[in-house]
Amino acid sequence: MQSRNMAPVAIIFNTVNTILAQGAALGGISMLAGFDQDVTELIPHGSLVEVDPETKTLRLLRGGSGDTAPATFAHGQSETSPVHLKPRH
């Protein structure tokens, strides 16, 4: 995928297994997983997001097509608030 410029810039998972993590690492693809909320419910299809693996945040920049109102997340997060990862113990 990398050689054909078809690889994703980042991969976002609610949960991840070792095979997916190894594939992302070997492909040089940023990956975020372990969110405290279900990202498939929070982020509408077709949304523009910003991924920052260093700070472990995903920011919704623009909702998907057809969205007329800003997305509102649980606990009062606005559409530009970061969705933080749970700490792993």
N, C-alpha and C. Protein backbone atom coordinates (compact mmCIF):
# COMPACT_ATOMS: atom_id res chain seq x y z
N MET A 1 0.82 -1.19 0.00
CA MET A 1 0.00 0.00 0.00
C MET A 1 0.86 1.26 0.00
N GLN A 2 1.96 1.22 0.76
CA GLN A 2 2.86 2.38 0.80
C GLN A 2 3.45 2.66 -0.57
N SER A 3 3.88 1.60 -1.27
CA SER A 3 4.53 1.78 -2.57
C SER A 3 3.58 2.35 -3.62
N ARG A 4 2.28 2.18 -3.44
CA ARG A 4 1.29 2.71 -4.38
C ARG A 4 0.61 3.97 -3.85
N ASN A 5 1.14 4.52 -2.76
CA ASN A 5 0.56 5.72 -2.12
C ASN A 5 -0.91 5.53 -1.78
N MET A 6 -1.25 4.36 -1.27
CA MET A 6 -2.63 4.06 -0.90
C MET A 6 -2.78 3.78 0.59
N ALA A 7 -1.71 3.93 1.35
CA ALA A 7 -1.76 3.65 2.79
C ALA A 7 -2.45 4.79 3.52
N PRO A 8 -3.21 4.48 4.55
CA PRO A 8 -3.83 5.56 5.34
C PRO A 8 -2.77 6.33 6.11
N VAL A 9 -3.08 7.57 6.43
CA VAL A 9 -2.18 8.40 7.22
C VAL A 9 -2.16 7.90 8.66
N ALA A 10 -3.32 7.46 9.14
CA ALA A 10 -3.44 6.95 10.51
C ALA A 10 -4.60 5.96 10.55
N ILE A 11 -4.57 5.10 11.56
CA ILE A 11 -5.65 4.14 11.77
C ILE A 11 -6.17 4.35 13.20
N ILE A 12 -7.49 4.42 13.33
CA ILE A 12 -8.13 4.65 14.62
C ILE A 12 -8.94 3.41 14.98
N PHE A 13 -8.71 2.87 16.17
CA PHE A 13 -9.42 1.68 16.64
C PHE A 13 -10.03 1.95 18.01
N ASN A 14 -11.15 1.31 18.30
CA ASN A 14 -11.64 1.28 19.68
C ASN A 14 -10.75 0.34 20.49
N THR A 15 -10.49 -0.83 19.94
CA THR A 15 -9.58 -1.80 20.54
C THR A 15 -8.70 -2.36 19.42
N VAL A 16 -7.55 -2.86 19.79
CA VAL A 16 -6.62 -3.35 18.77
C VAL A 16 -5.96 -4.64 19.27
N ASN A 17 -5.59 -5.50 18.33
CA ASN A 17 -4.86 -6.71 18.70
C ASN A 17 -3.41 -6.59 18.21
N THR A 18 -2.59 -7.54 18.57
CA THR A 18 -1.16 -7.44 18.25
C THR A 18 -0.88 -7.47 16.75
N ILE A 19 -1.67 -8.19 15.98
CA ILE A 19 -1.44 -8.26 14.54
C ILE A 19 -1.70 -6.90 13.90
N LEU A 20 -2.78 -6.23 14.29
CA LEU A 20 -3.06 -4.90 13.76
C LEU A 20 -1.99 -3.90 14.18
N ALA A 21 -1.55 -3.98 15.42
CA ALA A 21 -0.50 -3.07 15.90
C ALA A 21 0.81 -3.30 15.15
N GLN A 22 1.18 -4.56 14.94
CA GLN A 22 2.40 -4.86 14.20
C GLN A 22 2.31 -4.39 12.76
N GLY A 23 1.18 -4.59 12.13
CA GLY A 23 0.99 -4.14 10.75
C GLY A 23 1.13 -2.64 10.61
N ALA A 24 0.53 -1.90 11.53
CA ALA A 24 0.65 -0.44 11.50
C ALA A 24 2.10 -0.01 11.73
N ALA A 25 2.77 -0.65 12.68
CA ALA A 25 4.16 -0.29 12.97
C ALA A 25 5.07 -0.59 11.79
N LEU A 26 4.92 -1.76 11.19
CA LEU A 26 5.75 -2.12 10.04
C LEU A 26 5.46 -1.25 8.83
N GLY A 27 4.23 -0.79 8.70
CA GLY A 27 3.85 0.07 7.59
C GLY A 27 4.13 1.54 7.83
N GLY A 28 4.62 1.88 9.03
CA GLY A 28 4.89 3.28 9.34
C GLY A 28 3.63 4.12 9.45
N ILE A 29 2.54 3.49 9.90
CA ILE A 29 1.25 4.17 9.99
C ILE A 29 0.95 4.49 11.45
N SER A 30 0.63 5.74 11.73
CA SER A 30 0.24 6.12 13.09
C SER A 30 -1.05 5.42 13.46
N MET A 31 -1.18 5.04 14.73
CA MET A 31 -2.35 4.32 15.19
C MET A 31 -2.73 4.81 16.58
N LEU A 32 -4.02 5.00 16.79
CA LEU A 32 -4.54 5.32 18.11
C LEU A 32 -5.60 4.29 18.46
N ALA A 33 -5.60 3.84 19.71
CA ALA A 33 -6.58 2.86 20.18
C ALA A 33 -6.75 3.04 21.67
N GLY A 34 -7.81 2.44 22.22
CA GLY A 34 -8.04 2.48 23.65
C GLY A 34 -8.77 3.73 24.10
N PHE A 35 -9.67 4.24 23.29
CA PHE A 35 -10.42 5.44 23.64
C PHE A 35 -11.37 5.18 24.80
N ASP A 36 -11.69 6.22 25.55
CA ASP A 36 -12.62 6.08 26.67
C ASP A 36 -14.07 6.12 26.21
N GLN A 37 -14.30 6.37 24.91
CA GLN A 37 -15.64 6.36 24.32
C GLN A 37 -15.55 5.63 22.98
N ASP A 38 -16.69 5.20 22.46
CA ASP A 38 -16.73 4.50 21.18
C ASP A 38 -16.56 5.51 20.05
N VAL A 39 -15.39 5.51 19.41
CA VAL A 39 -15.13 6.50 18.36
C VAL A 39 -16.00 6.28 17.13
N THR A 40 -16.51 5.06 16.92
CA THR A 40 -17.39 4.84 15.78
C THR A 40 -18.75 5.51 15.96
N GLU A 41 -19.11 5.80 17.20
CA GLU A 41 -20.35 6.54 17.47
C GLU A 41 -20.10 8.04 17.52
N LEU A 42 -18.91 8.45 17.93
CA LEU A 42 -18.60 9.87 18.09
C LEU A 42 -18.24 10.57 16.79
N ILE A 43 -17.61 9.86 15.88
CA ILE A 43 -17.09 10.48 14.67
C ILE A 43 -17.94 10.06 13.47
N PRO A 44 -18.66 11.00 12.86
CA PRO A 44 -19.49 10.66 11.71
C PRO A 44 -18.64 10.24 10.51
N HIS A 45 -19.17 9.36 9.68
CA HIS A 45 -18.49 8.92 8.46
C HIS A 45 -18.18 10.14 7.59
N GLY A 46 -16.98 10.18 7.04
CA GLY A 46 -16.58 11.27 6.16
C GLY A 46 -16.05 12.49 6.88
N SER A 47 -15.84 12.39 8.18
CA SER A 47 -15.34 13.53 8.95
C SER A 47 -13.86 13.78 8.68
N LEU A 48 -13.44 15.00 8.89
CA LEU A 48 -12.03 15.37 8.83
C LEU A 48 -11.52 15.40 10.26
N VAL A 49 -10.49 14.61 10.54
CA VAL A 49 -9.94 14.53 11.89
C VAL A 49 -8.45 14.82 11.88
N GLU A 50 -7.95 15.20 13.04
CA GLU A 50 -6.52 15.41 13.24
C GLU A 50 -6.07 14.41 14.29
N VAL A 51 -5.03 13.65 13.98
CA VAL A 51 -4.51 12.64 14.89
C VAL A 51 -3.14 13.09 15.39
N ASP A 52 -2.96 13.08 16.70
CA ASP A 52 -1.67 13.43 17.30
C ASP A 52 -1.24 12.29 18.21
N PRO A 53 -0.44 11.35 17.68
CA PRO A 53 -0.02 10.20 18.49
C PRO A 53 0.82 10.59 19.70
N GLU A 54 1.58 11.68 19.61
CA GLU A 54 2.41 12.09 20.75
C GLU A 54 1.59 12.46 21.96
N THR A 55 0.52 13.23 21.75
CA THR A 55 -0.33 13.63 22.87
C THR A 55 -1.50 12.67 23.06
N LYS A 56 -1.58 11.66 22.20
CA LYS A 56 -2.63 10.64 22.27
C LYS A 56 -4.02 11.25 22.18
N THR A 57 -4.19 12.14 21.19
CA THR A 57 -5.49 12.77 21.01
C THR A 57 -5.94 12.67 19.56
N LEU A 58 -7.24 12.68 19.39
CA LEU A 58 -7.88 12.73 18.09
C LEU A 58 -8.84 13.90 18.16
N ARG A 59 -8.75 14.80 17.21
CA ARG A 59 -9.59 16.00 17.21
C ARG A 59 -10.47 15.98 15.97
N LEU A 60 -11.77 16.15 16.16
CA LEU A 60 -12.72 16.24 15.06
C LEU A 60 -12.70 17.67 14.53
N LEU A 61 -12.20 17.85 13.30
CA LEU A 61 -12.11 19.19 12.72
C LEU A 61 -13.38 19.57 11.99
N ARG A 62 -13.99 18.60 11.29
CA ARG A 62 -15.21 18.87 10.55
C ARG A 62 -16.01 17.58 10.47
N GLY A 63 -17.30 17.69 10.73
CA GLY A 63 -18.17 16.51 10.67
C GLY A 63 -18.34 16.02 9.25
N GLY A 64 -18.90 14.85 9.09
CA GLY A 64 -19.10 14.25 7.78
C GLY A 64 -20.14 14.99 6.96
N SER A 65 -20.27 14.60 5.71
CA SER A 65 -21.23 15.26 4.81
C SER A 65 -22.64 15.06 5.34
N GLY A 66 -23.44 16.09 5.18
CA GLY A 66 -24.81 16.03 5.66
C GLY A 66 -24.98 16.56 7.07
N ASP A 67 -23.88 16.81 7.78
CA ASP A 67 -23.98 17.37 9.12
C ASP A 67 -24.35 18.85 9.02
N THR A 68 -25.40 19.22 9.71
CA THR A 68 -25.79 20.62 9.71
C THR A 68 -25.48 21.29 11.03
N ALA A 69 -25.37 20.51 12.09
CA ALA A 69 -25.06 21.07 13.41
C ALA A 69 -23.73 20.50 13.89
N PRO A 70 -23.02 21.27 14.70
CA PRO A 70 -21.76 20.75 15.24
C PRO A 70 -21.99 19.48 16.06
N ALA A 71 -21.06 18.57 15.97
CA ALA A 71 -21.15 17.34 16.76
C ALA A 71 -20.92 17.67 18.23
N THR A 72 -21.70 17.05 19.10
CA THR A 72 -21.51 17.24 20.53
C THR A 72 -21.20 15.89 21.15
N PHE A 73 -20.11 15.83 21.89
CA PHE A 73 -19.69 14.59 22.51
C PHE A 73 -20.19 14.54 23.94
N ALA A 74 -20.13 13.34 24.50
CA ALA A 74 -20.51 13.16 25.90
C ALA A 74 -19.64 14.00 26.81
N HIS A 75 -20.12 14.30 27.96
CA HIS A 75 -19.40 15.07 28.98
C HIS A 75 -19.09 16.49 28.52
N GLY A 76 -19.92 17.05 27.64
CA GLY A 76 -19.78 18.44 27.25
C GLY A 76 -18.65 18.76 26.30
N GLN A 77 -18.05 17.76 25.66
CA GLN A 77 -16.98 18.06 24.72
C GLN A 77 -17.57 18.66 23.46
N SER A 78 -16.95 19.72 22.94
CA SER A 78 -17.40 20.30 21.69
C SER A 78 -16.75 19.56 20.54
N GLU A 79 -17.11 19.90 19.30
CA GLU A 79 -16.57 19.18 18.16
C GLU A 79 -15.07 19.39 17.98
N THR A 80 -14.48 20.39 18.61
CA THR A 80 -13.03 20.58 18.48
C THR A 80 -12.28 20.17 19.74
N SER A 81 -12.97 19.56 20.67
CA SER A 81 -12.29 19.06 21.87
C SER A 81 -11.61 17.74 21.57
N PRO A 82 -10.44 17.50 22.15
CA PRO A 82 -9.78 16.22 21.90
C PRO A 82 -10.52 15.08 22.58
N VAL A 83 -10.49 13.93 21.95
CA VAL A 83 -11.00 12.70 22.54
C VAL A 83 -9.77 12.01 23.12
N HIS A 84 -9.70 11.91 24.43
CA HIS A 84 -8.49 11.40 25.08
C HIS A 84 -8.52 9.89 25.22
N LEU A 85 -7.34 9.30 25.23
CA LEU A 85 -7.18 7.87 25.43
C LEU A 85 -7.18 7.53 26.90
N LYS A 86 -7.64 6.32 27.21
CA LYS A 86 -7.52 5.81 28.58
C LYS A 86 -6.06 5.46 28.83
N PRO A 87 -5.55 5.73 30.00
CA PRO A 87 -4.19 5.26 30.31
C PRO A 87 -4.18 3.75 30.42
N ARG A 88 -3.13 3.13 29.92
CA ARG A 88 -2.98 1.68 30.00
C ARG A 88 -2.13 1.33 31.21
N HIS A 89 -2.56 0.34 31.97
CA HIS A 89 -1.80 -0.07 33.16
C HIS A 89 -1.15 -1.40 32.93
